[in-house]
Protein backbone atom coordinates (compact mmCIF):
# COMPACT_ATOMS: atom_id res chain seq x y z
CA MET A 1 50.48 -65.08 -12.82
CA PRO A 2 47.31 -66.58 -14.28
CA GLU A 3 47.84 -69.36 -16.77
CA LEU A 4 46.50 -68.52 -20.22
CA PRO A 5 44.23 -71.09 -21.83
CA CYS A 6 45.69 -73.12 -24.67
CA PRO A 7 44.28 -71.74 -27.97
CA PRO A 8 42.35 -74.07 -30.30
CA GLY A 9 44.53 -75.89 -32.83
CA ILE A 10 47.70 -75.71 -30.71
CA SER A 11 48.83 -78.79 -28.82
CA ARG A 12 49.25 -78.55 -25.05
CA ALA A 13 52.97 -79.46 -25.41
CA GLU A 14 53.57 -76.69 -27.97
CA TRP A 15 51.69 -74.16 -25.83
CA GLU A 16 53.61 -75.02 -22.67
CA ASN A 17 56.94 -74.69 -24.49
CA ASN A 18 56.03 -71.56 -26.47
CA LEU A 19 57.82 -69.12 -24.17
CA SER A 20 60.68 -66.74 -24.78
CA GLU A 21 64.20 -67.48 -23.71
CA PRO A 22 64.83 -66.25 -20.16
CA ALA A 23 65.31 -62.47 -20.21
CA VAL A 24 65.55 -59.47 -17.91
CA TYR A 25 62.93 -56.95 -19.02
CA SER A 26 61.18 -54.26 -17.04
CA GLY A 27 58.35 -51.86 -17.71
CA GLU A 28 54.60 -52.30 -17.72
CA ALA A 29 54.31 -54.77 -20.61
CA PRO A 30 56.64 -57.47 -19.29
CA ASP A 31 55.52 -56.95 -15.69
CA ARG A 32 51.98 -57.79 -16.80
CA SER A 33 52.97 -60.57 -19.20
CA ARG A 34 55.57 -62.66 -17.39
CA GLU A 35 54.56 -66.33 -17.67
CA GLN A 36 57.36 -67.83 -15.60
CA ASP A 37 59.94 -66.57 -13.15
CA VAL A 38 63.31 -68.27 -13.58
CA THR A 39 66.76 -67.89 -12.11
CA GLY A 40 69.54 -67.01 -14.53
CA PRO A 41 73.03 -68.53 -14.58
CA ASP A 42 74.37 -65.83 -12.25
CA GLY A 43 71.43 -66.12 -9.85
CA GLU A 44 69.59 -63.11 -11.30
CA ALA A 45 65.77 -63.05 -11.49
CA MET A 46 64.61 -63.52 -15.07
CA GLY A 47 61.30 -64.14 -16.79
CA ARG A 48 59.85 -66.03 -19.73
CA PHE A 49 57.15 -64.38 -21.84
CA ARG A 50 54.56 -64.98 -24.60
CA GLU A 51 52.99 -62.45 -26.93
CA ILE A 52 52.43 -59.19 -25.10
CA LEU A 53 49.64 -56.63 -25.59
CA LEU A 54 49.47 -53.49 -23.52
CA HIS A 55 46.85 -50.73 -23.65
CA THR A 56 48.77 -47.57 -22.80
CA GLY A 57 45.59 -45.78 -21.72
CA ASP A 58 45.43 -48.19 -18.78
CA LEU A 59 48.81 -46.95 -17.45
CA GLU A 60 49.49 -44.02 -15.15
CA TRP A 61 52.00 -41.32 -16.05
CA ILE A 62 55.02 -41.48 -13.73
CA ASP A 63 56.61 -38.10 -12.96
CA LYS A 64 60.37 -37.76 -13.38
CA THR A 65 62.48 -35.43 -11.25
CA LEU A 66 62.63 -32.88 -14.10
CA GLU A 67 59.59 -30.61 -13.71
CA GLY A 68 56.99 -31.16 -16.45
CA LEU A 69 58.33 -34.54 -17.64
CA SER A 70 56.59 -37.88 -17.08
CA HIS A 71 56.69 -41.27 -18.74
CA LYS A 72 55.01 -44.62 -19.21
CA MET A 73 57.79 -47.23 -19.46
CA LEU A 74 56.53 -49.85 -21.89
CA TRP A 75 59.63 -52.06 -22.13
CA ARG A 76 63.25 -52.07 -21.06
CA ASN A 77 66.00 -54.62 -21.59
CA ASP A 78 67.78 -54.33 -18.27
CA GLU A 79 70.89 -56.05 -19.65
CA THR A 80 71.47 -53.61 -22.54
CA GLY A 81 69.63 -50.49 -21.38
CA ALA A 82 67.48 -50.44 -24.55
CA SER A 83 63.96 -49.15 -23.89
CA ILE A 84 60.62 -48.05 -25.30
CA ALA A 85 58.52 -45.47 -23.46
CA LEU A 86 55.88 -42.86 -23.91
CA VAL A 87 57.21 -39.53 -22.63
CA ARG A 88 55.11 -36.47 -21.93
CA PHE A 89 56.38 -32.92 -21.68
CA LYS A 90 53.97 -30.35 -20.26
CA LYS A 91 53.76 -27.05 -22.17
CA GLY A 92 56.76 -24.87 -21.27
CA SER A 93 58.93 -27.73 -20.02
CA GLY A 94 61.86 -29.36 -21.78
CA ILE A 95 65.44 -30.53 -21.39
CA PRO A 96 67.43 -27.55 -20.07
CA SER A 97 70.87 -28.07 -21.65
CA ARG A 98 72.87 -29.62 -24.47
CA HIS A 99 73.60 -33.29 -23.99
CA SER A 100 74.32 -36.51 -25.84
CA HIS A 101 73.23 -40.11 -25.43
CA ALA A 102 75.14 -43.35 -25.02
CA SER A 103 73.00 -44.96 -27.77
CA ASN A 104 70.75 -43.98 -30.65
CA GLN A 105 67.58 -42.14 -29.62
CA PHE A 106 64.45 -42.37 -31.77
CA MET A 107 61.27 -40.37 -31.18
CA PHE A 108 57.91 -40.36 -32.92
CA CYS A 109 55.64 -37.44 -32.06
CA LEU A 110 52.09 -38.46 -31.20
CA GLN A 111 50.83 -35.10 -29.93
CA GLY A 112 52.03 -31.52 -29.48
CA ARG A 113 55.00 -29.41 -30.58
CA TYR A 114 58.49 -30.14 -29.25
CA THR A 115 61.37 -27.94 -30.42
CA TYR A 116 65.14 -28.37 -30.36
CA VAL A 117 66.03 -24.77 -29.59
CA PRO A 118 69.48 -24.33 -31.25
CA THR A 119 68.47 -25.88 -34.59
CA GLY A 120 64.77 -25.00 -34.62
CA LEU A 121 63.80 -28.60 -35.44
CA THR A 122 60.21 -29.03 -34.27
CA LEU A 123 58.49 -32.36 -33.82
CA THR A 124 54.77 -32.29 -34.59
CA PRO A 125 52.31 -35.20 -34.81
CA GLY A 126 53.67 -37.74 -37.29
CA SER A 127 57.28 -36.49 -37.08
CA PHE A 128 60.06 -39.05 -36.64
CA TYR A 129 63.31 -37.87 -35.06
CA TRP A 130 66.59 -39.77 -34.83
CA ASN A 131 69.42 -38.49 -32.69
CA PRO A 132 72.53 -40.59 -33.43
CA LYS A 133 74.64 -41.87 -30.55
CA GLY A 134 77.02 -39.20 -29.24
CA SER A 135 75.46 -36.27 -31.16
CA LEU A 136 75.04 -33.16 -29.01
CA HIS A 137 71.53 -31.70 -29.08
CA GLY A 138 69.20 -29.54 -27.01
CA PRO A 139 68.10 -27.72 -25.04
CA THR A 140 64.48 -28.45 -25.91
CA HIS A 141 61.15 -26.72 -25.31
CA ALA A 142 57.59 -28.08 -25.41
CA GLU A 143 55.51 -25.39 -27.12
CA GLU A 144 52.38 -27.44 -26.29
CA ASP A 145 51.68 -30.46 -24.12
CA THR A 146 53.61 -33.11 -26.08
CA VAL A 147 53.59 -36.92 -26.12
CA LEU A 148 56.44 -38.79 -27.81
CA LEU A 149 57.12 -42.47 -28.36
CA GLU A 150 60.80 -42.68 -27.40
CA VAL A 151 63.07 -45.63 -28.23
CA TYR A 152 66.70 -46.15 -27.22
CA ASP A 153 68.74 -49.03 -28.69
CA GLY A 154 71.00 -49.07 -25.62
CA PRO A 155 71.61 -47.06 -22.44
CA HIS A 156 70.26 -43.50 -22.34
CA TYR A 157 73.18 -41.46 -21.02
CA PRO A 158 76.93 -41.93 -20.56
CA THR A 159 76.55 -40.26 -17.12
CA GLN A 160 73.55 -39.02 -15.13
CA PRO A 161 72.50 -35.57 -16.40
CA GLU A 162 72.43 -32.78 -13.81
CA TRP A 163 68.74 -32.09 -14.43
CA TYR A 164 67.75 -35.42 -12.85
CA SER A 165 68.08 -35.84 -9.08
CA SER A 166 67.27 -39.58 -9.42
CA ALA A 167 69.52 -42.06 -11.20
CA ASP A 168 66.38 -44.06 -12.14
CA ASP A 169 65.21 -41.13 -14.27
CA ALA A 170 68.37 -41.36 -16.39
CA ARG A 171 67.79 -45.05 -17.24
């Protein structure tokens, strides 16, 4: 990890101590911005971070095991399961069945048309969607290639959904 230069007007001592508390984060932003690796009280690998800037256009889309779905994981708190990701549904894809989440799910539509089939709710660019913890919803259908900013304030699912063949995809 390259050491960042101390900015003008900030003392070397302040700069060296201006790191986050040790934390367990994953995703592209923390992987690129970890300043120190530390060992936590239970021997777990943790990191300390500064301000983090990530250009999402520099990241590759990672395919999930559900056909037509990919993501760019921006941040995840591995202790709580909370996360922030860009998710992309190819036209014609979607979540195949009703389901609920183990935390609140928030989505902001950046591109496309993404419909919750039973209710007819359709996310279009600029739409904000909140699915409260435990609320059944879906199936869904991407009427166009769709990109959503998706935020969970805790773990995604109470159990691994049948449409994922990988447990990592349900995180």
